[in-house]
Protein backbone atom coordinates (compact mmCIF):
# COMPACT_ATOMS: atom_id res chain seq x y z
CA MET A 1 104.18 133.33 124.61
CA PRO A 2 104.01 132.00 121.12
CA THR A 3 101.26 133.31 118.82
CA LEU A 4 98.71 131.15 117.13
CA ALA A 5 99.91 132.02 113.99
CA ALA A 6 103.38 130.64 115.10
CA LEU A 7 102.34 127.50 116.48
CA VAL A 8 100.42 126.52 113.20
CA THR A 9 103.31 127.35 111.19
CA ILE A 10 105.65 125.06 113.43
CA SER A 11 103.03 122.34 113.13
CA THR A 12 102.56 122.66 109.55
CA LEU A 13 106.64 122.42 109.14
CA SER A 14 107.08 119.66 111.37
CA ALA A 15 104.15 117.82 109.51
CA GLN A 16 105.76 118.04 106.14
CA GLN A 17 108.96 116.58 107.19
CA PRO A 18 108.47 113.05 108.46
CA ALA A 19 110.95 111.35 110.81
CA PRO A 20 113.36 109.59 109.38
CA PRO A 21 113.55 105.90 109.79
CA THR A 22 115.89 104.47 112.63
CA GLN A 23 118.84 102.51 111.82
CA ASN A 24 117.22 99.16 112.26
CA GLU A 25 113.97 100.30 110.22
CA GLU A 26 113.71 99.61 106.65
CA LEU A 27 113.64 102.52 104.18
CA ASP A 28 110.42 102.44 102.11
CA VAL A 29 111.37 104.70 99.35
CA GLY A 30 108.51 104.99 97.56
CA GLN A 31 106.26 106.09 100.67
CA LEU A 32 108.96 108.49 101.96
CA PHE A 33 108.96 110.00 98.30
CA ALA A 34 105.31 110.04 98.14
CA THR A 35 105.02 112.25 101.63
CA THR A 36 108.00 114.16 101.58
CA CYS A 37 108.87 115.00 97.65
CA GLY A 38 105.59 114.23 96.21
CA TRP A 39 104.31 117.72 97.12
CA CYS A 40 106.44 119.15 94.36
CA HIS A 41 107.42 116.31 92.18
CA SER A 42 104.25 114.94 90.96
CA ASP A 43 103.21 111.03 90.04
CA GLY A 44 106.10 109.86 92.28
CA GLY A 45 108.59 111.87 90.26
CA ARG A 46 107.17 110.99 86.91
CA ALA A 47 105.86 114.31 86.18
CA ALA A 48 106.46 117.91 86.66
CA GLY A 49 104.55 119.68 89.53
CA LYS A 50 105.72 122.63 91.41
CA GLY A 51 109.22 120.77 91.06
CA PRO A 52 110.57 119.26 87.72
CA GLN A 53 109.57 115.88 86.43
CA LEU A 54 112.60 113.51 87.93
CA MET A 55 111.80 110.58 85.61
CA ASP A 56 114.49 110.27 83.06
CA THR A 57 116.59 113.47 84.59
CA LYS A 58 119.73 114.23 82.86
CA ARG A 59 121.23 115.49 85.98
CA ASP A 60 124.15 113.44 87.24
CA ASP A 61 123.92 111.68 90.81
CA GLU A 62 125.81 114.11 92.47
CA PHE A 63 123.91 117.16 91.45
CA ILE A 64 120.91 115.08 92.41
CA ARG A 65 122.53 114.19 96.10
CA ASN A 66 123.83 118.20 96.57
CA ARG A 67 120.13 119.17 95.62
CA ILE A 68 118.53 116.75 98.19
CA LYS A 69 121.11 117.88 100.85
CA HIS A 70 121.49 121.52 100.38
CA GLY A 71 118.16 122.43 98.49
CA LYS A 72 117.43 125.60 95.93
CA GLU A 73 116.68 128.64 97.65
CA GLY A 74 113.08 129.87 96.93
CA ALA A 75 112.19 126.24 95.37
CA MET A 76 113.14 123.46 97.40
CA PRO A 77 114.15 122.87 101.16
CA ALA A 78 117.41 121.25 102.40
CA PHE A 79 117.05 117.65 103.73
CA GLY A 80 120.61 117.45 104.42
CA VAL A 81 119.90 117.04 108.27
CA VAL A 82 116.78 115.02 107.67
CA PHE A 83 118.30 112.12 105.76
CA SER A 84 121.59 110.37 105.83
CA ASP A 85 123.87 109.79 103.15
CA ALA A 86 122.61 106.13 102.77
CA GLN A 87 119.02 107.27 102.49
CA ILE A 88 119.54 109.73 100.11
CA ASP A 89 121.54 107.06 98.08
CA GLU A 90 118.14 105.06 98.16
CA ILE A 91 116.47 108.03 97.07
CA ILE A 92 118.47 108.44 93.90
CA LYS A 93 118.35 104.94 93.29
CA TYR A 94 114.34 105.39 93.53
CA ILE A 95 114.75 108.18 91.04
CA ARG A 96 116.85 106.45 88.44
CA ALA A 97 114.39 103.20 88.46
CA LEU A 98 111.59 105.69 87.78
CA LYS A 99 109.43 104.07 84.57
CA PRO A 100 106.11 105.40 82.98
CA HIS A 101 103.04 103.59 84.56
CA GLN A 102 101.84 100.58 82.39
CA GLY A 103 98.20 100.13 81.70
């Protein structure tokens, strides 16, 4: 029989990784980023938090794709089974389009 701590841990982990949209559902990358990546990449990726600032990153797309898919031990979880390649491409486009807030 599972312990309360195990159930809380499982519940917390599943709450942190939202279900990816279905094939027919449009991906709201800003919302996905806020709810999945925003825990560590602050201000929608515009500022460093637990993770680095992504706006104006010097890393190439292949590095970013690999990091999203495979994570970084002790720093970032792998999302390769959560997001499709097309969804990861959209996340990379989102990161590349980040600009400072105006006003």
